[in-house]
N, C-alpha and C. Protein backbone atom coordinates (compact mmCIF):
# COMPACT_ATOMS: atom_id res chain seq x y z
N MET A 1 0.84 -1.17 0.00
CA MET A 1 0.00 0.00 0.00
C MET A 1 0.89 1.24 0.00
N LEU A 2 0.69 2.07 -0.98
CA LEU A 2 1.31 3.39 -1.01
C LEU A 2 0.15 4.36 -1.05
N LEU A 3 0.05 5.18 -0.01
CA LEU A 3 -1.13 6.03 0.16
C LEU A 3 -0.71 7.49 0.27
N HIS A 4 -1.48 8.35 -0.37
CA HIS A 4 -1.28 9.80 -0.24
C HIS A 4 -2.50 10.39 0.44
N LEU A 5 -2.28 11.15 1.51
CA LEU A 5 -3.35 11.86 2.21
C LEU A 5 -3.06 13.35 2.13
N SER A 6 -4.06 14.12 1.74
CA SER A 6 -3.89 15.56 1.63
C SER A 6 -4.17 16.23 2.97
N PRO A 7 -3.28 17.11 3.41
CA PRO A 7 -3.51 17.83 4.66
C PRO A 7 -4.32 19.11 4.47
N ALA A 8 -5.11 19.19 3.40
CA ALA A 8 -5.88 20.41 3.11
C ALA A 8 -6.77 20.80 4.29
N ASP A 9 -7.29 19.79 5.01
CA ASP A 9 -8.13 20.07 6.17
C ASP A 9 -7.36 19.92 7.48
N GLY A 10 -6.04 19.87 7.40
CA GLY A 10 -5.21 19.76 8.59
C GLY A 10 -4.54 18.40 8.69
N ILE A 11 -3.53 18.35 9.51
CA ILE A 11 -2.77 17.11 9.72
C ILE A 11 -3.55 16.11 10.56
N ILE A 12 -4.29 16.59 11.54
CA ILE A 12 -4.96 15.68 12.47
C ILE A 12 -5.94 14.75 11.77
N PRO A 13 -6.82 15.22 10.85
CA PRO A 13 -7.68 14.26 10.15
C PRO A 13 -6.89 13.19 9.38
N CYS A 14 -5.76 13.57 8.83
CA CYS A 14 -4.90 12.59 8.15
C CYS A 14 -4.38 11.55 9.13
N LEU A 15 -3.93 12.02 10.28
CA LEU A 15 -3.41 11.10 11.29
C LEU A 15 -4.50 10.17 11.80
N LEU A 16 -5.70 10.67 11.97
CA LEU A 16 -6.80 9.81 12.41
C LEU A 16 -7.07 8.72 11.37
N GLU A 17 -6.93 9.06 10.09
CA GLU A 17 -7.08 8.05 9.04
C GLU A 17 -5.95 7.02 9.11
N VAL A 18 -4.74 7.48 9.36
CA VAL A 18 -3.60 6.57 9.53
C VAL A 18 -3.85 5.66 10.73
N PHE A 19 -4.37 6.20 11.80
CA PHE A 19 -4.66 5.39 12.99
C PHE A 19 -5.66 4.29 12.67
N ALA A 20 -6.64 4.57 11.81
CA ALA A 20 -7.61 3.55 11.41
C ALA A 20 -6.91 2.42 10.65
N ILE A 21 -5.95 2.77 9.81
CA ILE A 21 -5.18 1.76 9.08
C ILE A 21 -4.38 0.91 10.06
N ILE A 22 -3.74 1.56 11.02
CA ILE A 22 -2.96 0.82 12.01
C ILE A 22 -3.86 -0.13 12.79
N GLN A 23 -5.03 0.36 13.21
CA GLN A 23 -5.97 -0.46 13.96
C GLN A 23 -6.36 -1.70 13.17
N ALA A 24 -6.60 -1.53 11.87
CA ALA A 24 -7.08 -2.63 11.04
C ALA A 24 -5.99 -3.61 10.62
N ASP A 25 -4.79 -3.11 10.41
CA ASP A 25 -3.78 -3.93 9.73
C ASP A 25 -2.51 -4.25 10.51
N TYR A 26 -2.32 -3.67 11.68
CA TYR A 26 -1.05 -3.85 12.38
C TYR A 26 -1.24 -4.33 13.81
N THR A 27 -0.25 -5.09 14.27
CA THR A 27 -0.29 -5.61 15.63
C THR A 27 1.02 -5.23 16.32
N SER A 28 1.13 -5.60 17.58
CA SER A 28 2.38 -5.31 18.28
C SER A 28 3.51 -6.10 17.63
N GLY A 29 4.68 -5.56 17.70
CA GLY A 29 5.83 -6.21 17.10
C GLY A 29 6.15 -5.73 15.71
N GLU A 30 5.22 -5.03 15.08
CA GLU A 30 5.49 -4.46 13.76
C GLU A 30 5.94 -3.02 13.96
N ARG A 31 7.01 -2.66 13.30
CA ARG A 31 7.59 -1.32 13.49
C ARG A 31 6.88 -0.30 12.60
N ILE A 32 6.32 0.71 13.24
CA ILE A 32 5.62 1.80 12.56
C ILE A 32 6.37 3.08 12.90
N VAL A 33 6.77 3.85 11.87
CA VAL A 33 7.56 5.05 12.12
C VAL A 33 6.92 6.24 11.42
N TYR A 34 6.75 7.32 12.18
CA TYR A 34 6.18 8.57 11.68
C TYR A 34 7.29 9.61 11.63
N PHE A 35 7.50 10.20 10.45
CA PHE A 35 8.56 11.19 10.25
C PHE A 35 7.98 12.55 9.93
N ASN A 36 8.55 13.60 10.51
CA ASN A 36 8.31 14.97 10.06
C ASN A 36 9.51 15.82 10.44
N ASN A 37 9.45 17.10 10.10
CA ASN A 37 10.59 17.97 10.44
C ASN A 37 10.16 19.13 11.33
N THR A 38 9.02 18.97 12.01
CA THR A 38 8.57 20.02 12.92
C THR A 38 8.57 19.49 14.34
N THR A 39 7.40 19.30 14.91
CA THR A 39 7.29 18.77 16.27
C THR A 39 6.28 17.64 16.29
N SER A 40 6.18 17.01 17.42
CA SER A 40 5.21 15.92 17.58
C SER A 40 3.86 16.42 18.07
N GLY A 41 3.65 17.73 18.11
CA GLY A 41 2.42 18.29 18.66
C GLY A 41 1.15 17.78 18.01
N ALA A 42 1.08 17.80 16.69
CA ALA A 42 -0.13 17.33 15.99
C ALA A 42 -0.34 15.84 16.24
N LEU A 43 0.74 15.09 16.27
CA LEU A 43 0.65 13.66 16.53
C LEU A 43 0.07 13.41 17.92
N LEU A 44 0.54 14.14 18.91
CA LEU A 44 0.03 13.97 20.28
C LEU A 44 -1.44 14.38 20.37
N ARG A 45 -1.82 15.46 19.69
CA ARG A 45 -3.23 15.88 19.69
C ARG A 45 -4.11 14.83 19.03
N ALA A 46 -3.65 14.28 17.91
CA ALA A 46 -4.42 13.25 17.21
C ALA A 46 -4.57 12.01 18.09
N MET A 47 -3.52 11.64 18.80
CA MET A 47 -3.61 10.48 19.68
C MET A 47 -4.61 10.73 20.80
N ALA A 48 -4.64 11.96 21.31
CA ALA A 48 -5.59 12.30 22.37
C ALA A 48 -7.03 12.26 21.85
N GLU A 49 -7.23 12.64 20.58
CA GLU A 49 -8.57 12.66 19.99
C GLU A 49 -9.03 11.29 19.49
N SER A 50 -8.10 10.39 19.28
CA SER A 50 -8.41 9.11 18.67
C SER A 50 -9.20 8.21 19.62
N ASP A 51 -10.14 7.47 19.02
CA ASP A 51 -10.87 6.47 19.79
C ASP A 51 -10.41 5.06 19.44
N ARG A 52 -9.29 4.95 18.75
CA ARG A 52 -8.76 3.65 18.34
C ARG A 52 -8.16 2.93 19.54
N ALA A 53 -8.47 1.66 19.65
CA ALA A 53 -8.02 0.87 20.80
C ALA A 53 -6.50 0.77 20.87
N TRP A 54 -5.83 0.74 19.72
CA TRP A 54 -4.38 0.56 19.74
C TRP A 54 -3.67 1.71 20.44
N VAL A 55 -4.28 2.89 20.45
CA VAL A 55 -3.67 4.05 21.11
C VAL A 55 -3.55 3.80 22.61
N GLU A 56 -4.44 2.98 23.14
CA GLU A 56 -4.41 2.64 24.57
C GLU A 56 -3.65 1.34 24.84
N ASP A 57 -3.31 0.60 23.80
CA ASP A 57 -2.64 -0.69 23.94
C ASP A 57 -1.13 -0.47 24.01
N GLU A 58 -0.56 -0.70 25.18
CA GLU A 58 0.87 -0.44 25.39
C GLU A 58 1.76 -1.21 24.43
N LYS A 59 1.41 -2.46 24.14
CA LYS A 59 2.24 -3.27 23.26
C LYS A 59 2.28 -2.70 21.84
N VAL A 60 1.13 -2.32 21.32
CA VAL A 60 1.10 -1.76 19.96
C VAL A 60 1.72 -0.37 19.97
N LEU A 61 1.43 0.41 21.00
CA LEU A 61 1.96 1.77 21.09
C LEU A 61 3.49 1.76 21.11
N LYS A 62 4.09 0.75 21.72
CA LYS A 62 5.55 0.66 21.74
C LYS A 62 6.12 0.41 20.34
N SER A 63 5.31 -0.10 19.44
CA SER A 63 5.75 -0.34 18.06
C SER A 63 5.70 0.93 17.22
N PHE A 64 5.04 1.96 17.74
CA PHE A 64 4.87 3.22 17.01
C PHE A 64 5.96 4.19 17.44
N GLU A 65 6.75 4.65 16.48
CA GLU A 65 7.86 5.54 16.80
C GLU A 65 7.69 6.87 16.08
N TYR A 66 8.13 7.94 16.73
CA TYR A 66 8.14 9.27 16.13
C TYR A 66 9.59 9.67 15.91
N GLU A 67 9.89 10.15 14.71
CA GLU A 67 11.25 10.61 14.40
C GLU A 67 11.18 11.98 13.76
N ARG A 68 11.86 12.93 14.34
CA ARG A 68 12.00 14.25 13.71
C ARG A 68 13.28 14.20 12.89
N VAL A 69 13.16 14.51 11.60
CA VAL A 69 14.33 14.51 10.72
C VAL A 69 14.58 15.93 10.23
N SER A 70 15.84 16.24 10.02
CA SER A 70 16.19 17.61 9.64
C SER A 70 16.35 17.79 8.14
N ASP A 71 16.54 16.70 7.40
CA ASP A 71 16.70 16.84 5.95
C ASP A 71 16.52 15.48 5.27
N LEU A 72 16.61 15.47 3.95
CA LEU A 72 16.43 14.25 3.17
C LEU A 72 17.45 13.18 3.53
N PHE A 73 18.66 13.61 3.81
CA PHE A 73 19.74 12.67 4.08
C PHE A 73 19.52 11.96 5.41
N GLU A 74 19.03 12.68 6.40
CA GLU A 74 18.71 12.05 7.68
C GLU A 74 17.52 11.11 7.54
N LEU A 75 16.53 11.50 6.74
CA LEU A 75 15.39 10.63 6.49
C LEU A 75 15.86 9.32 5.85
N ALA A 76 16.71 9.40 4.85
CA ALA A 76 17.23 8.19 4.21
C ALA A 76 17.98 7.32 5.22
N GLU A 77 18.77 7.95 6.06
CA GLU A 77 19.52 7.22 7.08
C GLU A 77 18.57 6.47 8.02
N LYS A 78 17.51 7.13 8.45
CA LYS A 78 16.55 6.50 9.37
C LYS A 78 15.78 5.37 8.67
N LEU A 79 15.46 5.55 7.38
CA LEU A 79 14.74 4.51 6.65
C LEU A 79 15.58 3.25 6.48
N ARG A 80 16.89 3.38 6.48
CA ARG A 80 17.77 2.21 6.36
C ARG A 80 17.59 1.25 7.54
N GLN A 81 17.03 1.74 8.64
CA GLN A 81 16.82 0.90 9.83
C GLN A 81 15.63 -0.04 9.65
N GLY A 82 14.83 0.19 8.61
CA GLY A 82 13.70 -0.68 8.31
C GLY A 82 12.46 -0.35 9.12
N ALA A 83 11.32 -0.69 8.56
CA ALA A 83 10.03 -0.50 9.22
C ALA A 83 8.98 -1.28 8.44
N ASP A 84 7.87 -1.56 9.10
CA ASP A 84 6.75 -2.23 8.43
C ASP A 84 5.80 -1.22 7.81
N LEU A 85 5.66 -0.08 8.45
CA LEU A 85 4.83 1.02 7.94
C LEU A 85 5.57 2.32 8.21
N VAL A 86 5.64 3.17 7.19
CA VAL A 86 6.28 4.48 7.31
C VAL A 86 5.25 5.54 6.97
N ILE A 87 5.16 6.57 7.81
CA ILE A 87 4.32 7.73 7.54
C ILE A 87 5.25 8.93 7.44
N ILE A 88 5.19 9.64 6.32
CA ILE A 88 6.05 10.81 6.12
C ILE A 88 5.17 12.03 5.95
N GLU A 89 5.30 12.95 6.88
CA GLU A 89 4.54 14.20 6.83
C GLU A 89 5.35 15.26 6.09
N ARG A 90 4.80 15.77 5.02
CA ARG A 90 5.34 16.90 4.25
C ARG A 90 6.79 16.70 3.82
N LEU A 91 6.96 15.78 2.90
CA LEU A 91 8.28 15.53 2.33
C LEU A 91 8.86 16.80 1.73
N ASP A 92 8.00 17.67 1.21
CA ASP A 92 8.50 18.92 0.61
C ASP A 92 9.21 19.79 1.64
N ARG A 93 8.69 19.84 2.84
CA ARG A 93 9.34 20.64 3.89
C ARG A 93 10.66 20.02 4.32
N ILE A 94 10.69 18.72 4.35
CA ILE A 94 11.95 18.03 4.68
C ILE A 94 12.98 18.32 3.59
N ALA A 95 12.55 18.30 2.33
CA ALA A 95 13.47 18.56 1.21
C ALA A 95 14.02 19.98 1.28
N ARG A 96 13.18 20.92 1.66
CA ARG A 96 13.63 22.32 1.73
C ARG A 96 14.68 22.54 2.81
N GLU A 97 14.72 21.66 3.79
CA GLU A 97 15.69 21.80 4.88
C GLU A 97 17.04 21.19 4.52
N SER A 98 17.16 20.64 3.34
CA SER A 98 18.37 19.91 2.98
C SER A 98 19.57 20.80 2.71
N GLY A 99 19.40 22.09 2.83
CA GLY A 99 20.53 23.01 2.79
C GLY A 99 21.16 23.18 1.42
N PRO A 100 22.45 23.50 1.43
CA PRO A 100 23.13 23.88 0.19
C PRO A 100 23.59 22.71 -0.67
N GLU A 101 23.07 21.52 -0.40
CA GLU A 101 23.46 20.37 -1.21
C GLU A 101 23.08 20.62 -2.66
N SER A 102 23.81 20.02 -3.56
CA SER A 102 23.51 20.20 -4.98
C SER A 102 22.18 19.56 -5.33
N TYR A 103 21.61 20.04 -6.40
CA TYR A 103 20.35 19.52 -6.91
C TYR A 103 20.47 18.01 -7.16
N ASN A 104 21.57 17.59 -7.77
CA ASN A 104 21.77 16.17 -8.07
C ASN A 104 21.83 15.34 -6.80
N ARG A 105 22.49 15.86 -5.80
CA ARG A 105 22.62 15.14 -4.52
C ARG A 105 21.26 15.00 -3.84
N GLN A 106 20.44 16.06 -3.90
CA GLN A 106 19.10 15.97 -3.32
C GLN A 106 18.25 14.96 -4.08
N ASN A 107 18.36 14.96 -5.41
CA ASN A 107 17.61 13.97 -6.20
C ASN A 107 18.04 12.56 -5.86
N GLU A 108 19.33 12.36 -5.65
CA GLU A 108 19.82 11.04 -5.25
C GLU A 108 19.20 10.63 -3.91
N ALA A 109 19.10 11.58 -2.99
CA ALA A 109 18.51 11.28 -1.68
C ALA A 109 17.04 10.91 -1.82
N VAL A 110 16.30 11.65 -2.65
CA VAL A 110 14.88 11.33 -2.86
C VAL A 110 14.74 9.94 -3.48
N ALA A 111 15.57 9.62 -4.47
CA ALA A 111 15.53 8.30 -5.09
C ALA A 111 15.83 7.21 -4.07
N GLU A 112 16.81 7.46 -3.22
CA GLU A 112 17.15 6.47 -2.19
C GLU A 112 15.99 6.30 -1.22
N ILE A 113 15.36 7.40 -0.83
CA ILE A 113 14.20 7.33 0.07
C ILE A 113 13.11 6.46 -0.54
N MET A 114 12.81 6.69 -1.81
CA MET A 114 11.76 5.91 -2.47
C MET A 114 12.12 4.43 -2.53
N ASN A 115 13.39 4.13 -2.74
CA ASN A 115 13.83 2.74 -2.79
C ASN A 115 13.84 2.08 -1.42
N LEU A 116 14.00 2.87 -0.37
CA LEU A 116 14.05 2.33 0.99
C LEU A 116 12.68 2.16 1.63
N LEU A 117 11.65 2.73 1.02
CA LEU A 117 10.32 2.64 1.62
C LEU A 117 9.88 1.18 1.71
N PRO A 118 9.23 0.82 2.81
CA PRO A 118 8.66 -0.52 2.89
C PRO A 118 7.45 -0.61 1.96
N ASP A 119 6.87 -1.79 1.86
CA ASP A 119 5.69 -1.95 1.01
C ASP A 119 4.55 -1.04 1.44
N ASP A 120 4.47 -0.74 2.72
CA ASP A 120 3.41 0.11 3.25
C ASP A 120 3.97 1.47 3.65
N ALA A 121 3.51 2.51 2.95
CA ALA A 121 3.97 3.87 3.23
C ALA A 121 2.82 4.84 3.00
N VAL A 122 2.78 5.87 3.85
CA VAL A 122 1.77 6.91 3.74
C VAL A 122 2.49 8.25 3.64
N PHE A 123 2.11 9.04 2.65
CA PHE A 123 2.61 10.40 2.51
C PHE A 123 1.48 11.35 2.87
N ILE A 124 1.73 12.22 3.85
CA ILE A 124 0.79 13.30 4.18
C ILE A 124 1.40 14.55 3.58
N ASP A 125 0.87 14.98 2.46
CA ASP A 125 1.49 16.08 1.72
C ASP A 125 0.49 16.65 0.74
N ASP A 126 0.60 17.95 0.48
CA ASP A 126 -0.27 18.56 -0.52
C ASP A 126 0.44 18.72 -1.86
N TRP A 127 1.71 18.37 -1.89
CA TRP A 127 2.54 18.44 -3.10
C TRP A 127 2.57 19.84 -3.69
N ALA A 128 2.26 20.86 -2.90
CA ALA A 128 2.23 22.24 -3.39
C ALA A 128 3.59 22.68 -3.93
N TYR A 129 4.65 22.12 -3.39
CA TYR A 129 5.98 22.51 -3.86
C TYR A 129 6.18 22.18 -5.34
N LEU A 130 5.45 21.19 -5.85
CA LEU A 130 5.57 20.86 -7.27
C LEU A 130 5.13 22.03 -8.14
N GLU A 131 4.11 22.74 -7.69
CA GLU A 131 3.61 23.87 -8.46
C GLU A 131 4.62 25.01 -8.50
N GLU A 132 5.50 25.07 -7.52
CA GLU A 132 6.54 26.11 -7.51
C GLU A 132 7.61 25.85 -8.56
N TYR A 133 7.84 24.59 -8.86
CA TYR A 133 8.95 24.23 -9.73
C TYR A 133 8.54 23.75 -11.11
N TYR A 134 7.28 23.36 -11.26
CA TYR A 134 6.83 22.80 -12.53
C TYR A 134 5.59 23.52 -13.01
N SER A 135 5.43 23.58 -14.31
CA SER A 135 4.25 24.18 -14.91
C SER A 135 3.34 23.04 -15.39
N PHE A 136 2.11 23.07 -14.95
CA PHE A 136 1.16 22.04 -15.35
C PHE A 136 0.11 22.64 -16.27
N ASP A 137 -0.17 21.94 -17.36
CA ASP A 137 -1.25 22.38 -18.25
C ASP A 137 -2.57 21.96 -17.63
N GLU A 138 -3.51 22.87 -17.63
CA GLU A 138 -4.81 22.56 -17.03
C GLU A 138 -5.77 22.10 -18.08
């Protein structure tokens, strides 16, 4: 499963949808990792709002990890550790933090990230950055 969720109505509704997927398809012992480059605030609010049983289940909750990454290269490094489900919030913002690296080097990092993704991955992104760099015919 490769899933894209739009944060047009906010991150929390997206996270609640991810929580439903976790409830239906994952058990304790499976590694679930959520990545972003801001804070865990929205994640904590979504967990507080969630009525999913796994949020209260210590065994499953221990399988859920939060990782703050500062750039594409750190994200690739963390993905090398493996996971059963990966949730990436706003890849565009993570890419923008990659600093003065060359365009080719950043593209290599994105390609590596895509190759390192497990079979199950969720992107929470509006892809708005694409409109900044590419022209689309309507």
